[in-house]
N, C-alpha and C. Protein backbone atom coordinates (compact mmCIF):
# COMPACT_ATOMS: atom_id res chain seq x y z
N UNK A 1 0.85 -1.18 0.00
CA UNK A 1 0.00 0.00 0.00
C UNK A 1 0.90 1.24 0.00
N UNK A 2 0.72 2.12 -0.98
CA UNK A 2 1.54 3.34 -1.00
C UNK A 2 1.10 4.34 0.06
N UNK A 3 2.01 5.18 0.44
CA UNK A 3 1.73 6.24 1.42
C UNK A 3 0.81 7.27 0.77
N UNK A 4 -0.24 7.66 1.46
CA UNK A 4 -1.18 8.68 0.97
C UNK A 4 -0.63 10.05 1.36
N UNK A 5 -0.32 10.86 0.35
CA UNK A 5 0.24 12.19 0.61
C UNK A 5 -0.74 13.31 0.28
N UNK A 6 -1.83 12.98 -0.39
CA UNK A 6 -2.86 13.98 -0.66
C UNK A 6 -3.73 14.15 0.59
N UNK A 7 -4.36 15.32 0.76
CA UNK A 7 -5.22 15.53 1.93
C UNK A 7 -6.23 14.39 2.06
N UNK A 8 -6.33 13.82 3.27
CA UNK A 8 -7.15 12.63 3.47
C UNK A 8 -7.79 12.61 4.86
N UNK A 9 -7.88 13.76 5.52
CA UNK A 9 -8.45 13.83 6.86
C UNK A 9 -9.76 14.61 6.79
N UNK A 10 -10.85 13.97 7.23
CA UNK A 10 -12.11 14.69 7.34
C UNK A 10 -11.94 15.80 8.37
N UNK A 11 -12.37 16.99 8.03
CA UNK A 11 -12.29 18.14 8.93
C UNK A 11 -10.86 18.32 9.45
N UNK A 12 -9.94 18.52 8.50
CA UNK A 12 -8.53 18.68 8.86
C UNK A 12 -8.31 19.84 9.84
N UNK A 13 -9.05 20.94 9.65
CA UNK A 13 -8.89 22.08 10.55
C UNK A 13 -9.34 21.72 11.97
N UNK A 14 -10.41 20.94 12.07
CA UNK A 14 -10.87 20.49 13.38
C UNK A 14 -9.86 19.60 14.05
N UNK A 15 -9.23 18.70 13.28
CA UNK A 15 -8.19 17.84 13.84
C UNK A 15 -7.01 18.67 14.31
N UNK A 16 -6.61 19.66 13.51
CA UNK A 16 -5.50 20.53 13.90
C UNK A 16 -5.81 21.23 15.22
N UNK A 17 -7.03 21.73 15.36
CA UNK A 17 -7.44 22.37 16.61
C UNK A 17 -7.34 21.40 17.79
N UNK A 18 -7.78 20.14 17.58
CA UNK A 18 -7.70 19.13 18.64
C UNK A 18 -6.24 18.81 18.99
N UNK A 19 -5.40 18.77 17.97
CA UNK A 19 -3.97 18.51 18.20
C UNK A 19 -3.35 19.63 19.03
N UNK A 20 -3.65 20.86 18.67
CA UNK A 20 -3.14 21.99 19.45
C UNK A 20 -3.68 21.95 20.88
N UNK A 21 -4.95 21.63 21.03
CA UNK A 21 -5.56 21.57 22.37
C UNK A 21 -4.90 20.49 23.22
N UNK A 22 -4.52 19.38 22.60
CA UNK A 22 -3.86 18.30 23.35
C UNK A 22 -2.52 18.75 23.91
N UNK A 23 -1.90 19.72 23.25
CA UNK A 23 -0.59 20.22 23.69
C UNK A 23 -0.70 21.42 24.64
N UNK A 24 -1.89 21.97 24.74
CA UNK A 24 -2.08 23.18 25.55
C UNK A 24 -1.66 22.94 27.00
N UNK A 25 -0.83 23.83 27.50
CA UNK A 25 -0.41 23.77 28.90
C UNK A 25 0.74 22.82 29.19
N UNK A 26 1.22 22.11 28.17
CA UNK A 26 2.32 21.18 28.39
C UNK A 26 3.66 21.89 28.27
N UNK A 27 4.64 21.39 28.98
CA UNK A 27 6.00 21.86 28.80
C UNK A 27 6.53 21.33 27.47
N UNK A 28 7.67 21.82 27.02
CA UNK A 28 8.29 21.32 25.78
C UNK A 28 8.54 19.83 25.88
N UNK A 29 9.04 19.38 27.01
CA UNK A 29 9.33 17.95 27.19
C UNK A 29 8.05 17.12 27.16
N UNK A 30 7.00 17.61 27.81
CA UNK A 30 5.73 16.89 27.80
C UNK A 30 5.12 16.86 26.40
N UNK A 31 5.24 17.97 25.68
CA UNK A 31 4.74 18.04 24.32
C UNK A 31 5.50 17.09 23.40
N UNK A 32 6.81 17.04 23.55
CA UNK A 32 7.63 16.11 22.77
C UNK A 32 7.24 14.66 23.07
N UNK A 33 6.98 14.37 24.34
CA UNK A 33 6.59 13.01 24.73
C UNK A 33 5.21 12.66 24.17
N UNK A 34 4.29 13.61 24.18
CA UNK A 34 2.98 13.38 23.58
C UNK A 34 3.14 13.06 22.10
N UNK A 35 3.95 13.85 21.39
CA UNK A 35 4.18 13.60 19.97
C UNK A 35 4.77 12.21 19.73
N UNK A 36 5.71 11.83 20.54
CA UNK A 36 6.33 10.50 20.39
C UNK A 36 5.30 9.40 20.60
N UNK A 37 4.47 9.53 21.64
CA UNK A 37 3.43 8.52 21.88
C UNK A 37 2.43 8.47 20.74
N UNK A 38 2.04 9.64 20.24
CA UNK A 38 1.09 9.70 19.13
C UNK A 38 1.66 9.04 17.88
N UNK A 39 2.92 9.30 17.59
CA UNK A 39 3.58 8.69 16.44
C UNK A 39 3.59 7.17 16.58
N UNK A 40 3.94 6.67 17.75
CA UNK A 40 3.99 5.22 17.94
C UNK A 40 2.60 4.58 17.88
N UNK A 41 1.60 5.25 18.41
CA UNK A 41 0.23 4.74 18.34
C UNK A 41 -0.23 4.67 16.89
N UNK A 42 0.00 5.74 16.13
CA UNK A 42 -0.43 5.75 14.73
C UNK A 42 0.39 4.79 13.88
N UNK A 43 1.69 4.67 14.16
CA UNK A 43 2.52 3.70 13.44
C UNK A 43 2.03 2.28 13.69
N UNK A 44 1.64 1.99 14.91
CA UNK A 44 1.10 0.68 15.22
C UNK A 44 -0.21 0.44 14.46
N UNK A 45 -1.02 1.47 14.36
CA UNK A 45 -2.29 1.36 13.64
C UNK A 45 -2.04 1.09 12.15
N UNK A 46 -1.08 1.79 11.56
CA UNK A 46 -0.74 1.58 10.15
C UNK A 46 -0.19 0.17 9.96
N UNK A 47 0.80 -0.16 10.77
CA UNK A 47 1.32 -1.52 10.80
C UNK A 47 2.19 -1.95 9.64
N UNK A 48 2.07 -1.34 8.50
CA UNK A 48 2.81 -1.74 7.29
C UNK A 48 4.20 -1.10 7.30
N UNK A 49 5.23 -1.93 7.47
CA UNK A 49 6.60 -1.40 7.58
C UNK A 49 7.02 -0.63 6.34
N UNK A 50 6.60 -1.05 5.16
CA UNK A 50 6.98 -0.34 3.93
C UNK A 50 6.37 1.07 3.93
N UNK A 51 5.13 1.19 4.35
CA UNK A 51 4.47 2.50 4.42
C UNK A 51 5.15 3.35 5.48
N UNK A 52 5.46 2.77 6.62
CA UNK A 52 6.14 3.52 7.68
C UNK A 52 7.53 3.98 7.24
N UNK A 53 8.24 3.13 6.54
CA UNK A 53 9.57 3.49 6.03
C UNK A 53 9.45 4.66 5.05
N UNK A 54 8.46 4.60 4.16
CA UNK A 54 8.25 5.68 3.21
C UNK A 54 7.89 6.98 3.94
N UNK A 55 7.06 6.88 4.98
CA UNK A 55 6.70 8.07 5.76
C UNK A 55 7.92 8.70 6.40
N UNK A 56 8.81 7.88 6.93
CA UNK A 56 10.05 8.40 7.53
C UNK A 56 10.88 9.14 6.48
N UNK A 57 10.98 8.55 5.31
CA UNK A 57 11.76 9.18 4.23
C UNK A 57 11.15 10.51 3.82
N UNK A 58 9.82 10.55 3.64
CA UNK A 58 9.15 11.78 3.23
C UNK A 58 9.28 12.85 4.32
N UNK A 59 9.10 12.45 5.57
CA UNK A 59 9.19 13.42 6.67
C UNK A 59 10.59 14.00 6.79
N UNK A 60 11.58 13.19 6.53
CA UNK A 60 12.96 13.67 6.63
C UNK A 60 13.29 14.66 5.51
N UNK A 61 12.65 14.50 4.36
CA UNK A 61 12.88 15.38 3.22
C UNK A 61 12.28 16.77 3.43
N UNK A 62 11.21 16.86 4.18
CA UNK A 62 10.46 18.12 4.32
C UNK A 62 11.15 19.10 5.22
């Protein structure tokens, strides 16, 4: 399965607001830890190592 790079989130602005709210009031270290946990949770959900590898490559390029 190829990595989806086109917009694919229903109500992307609403999700962005929720993401910001999840970080509200956290220290930098707490925010970094939240991001790390979120990445691992979503990576586990995706599960496909090829897709995850491609995501790492794309993220590193940006």
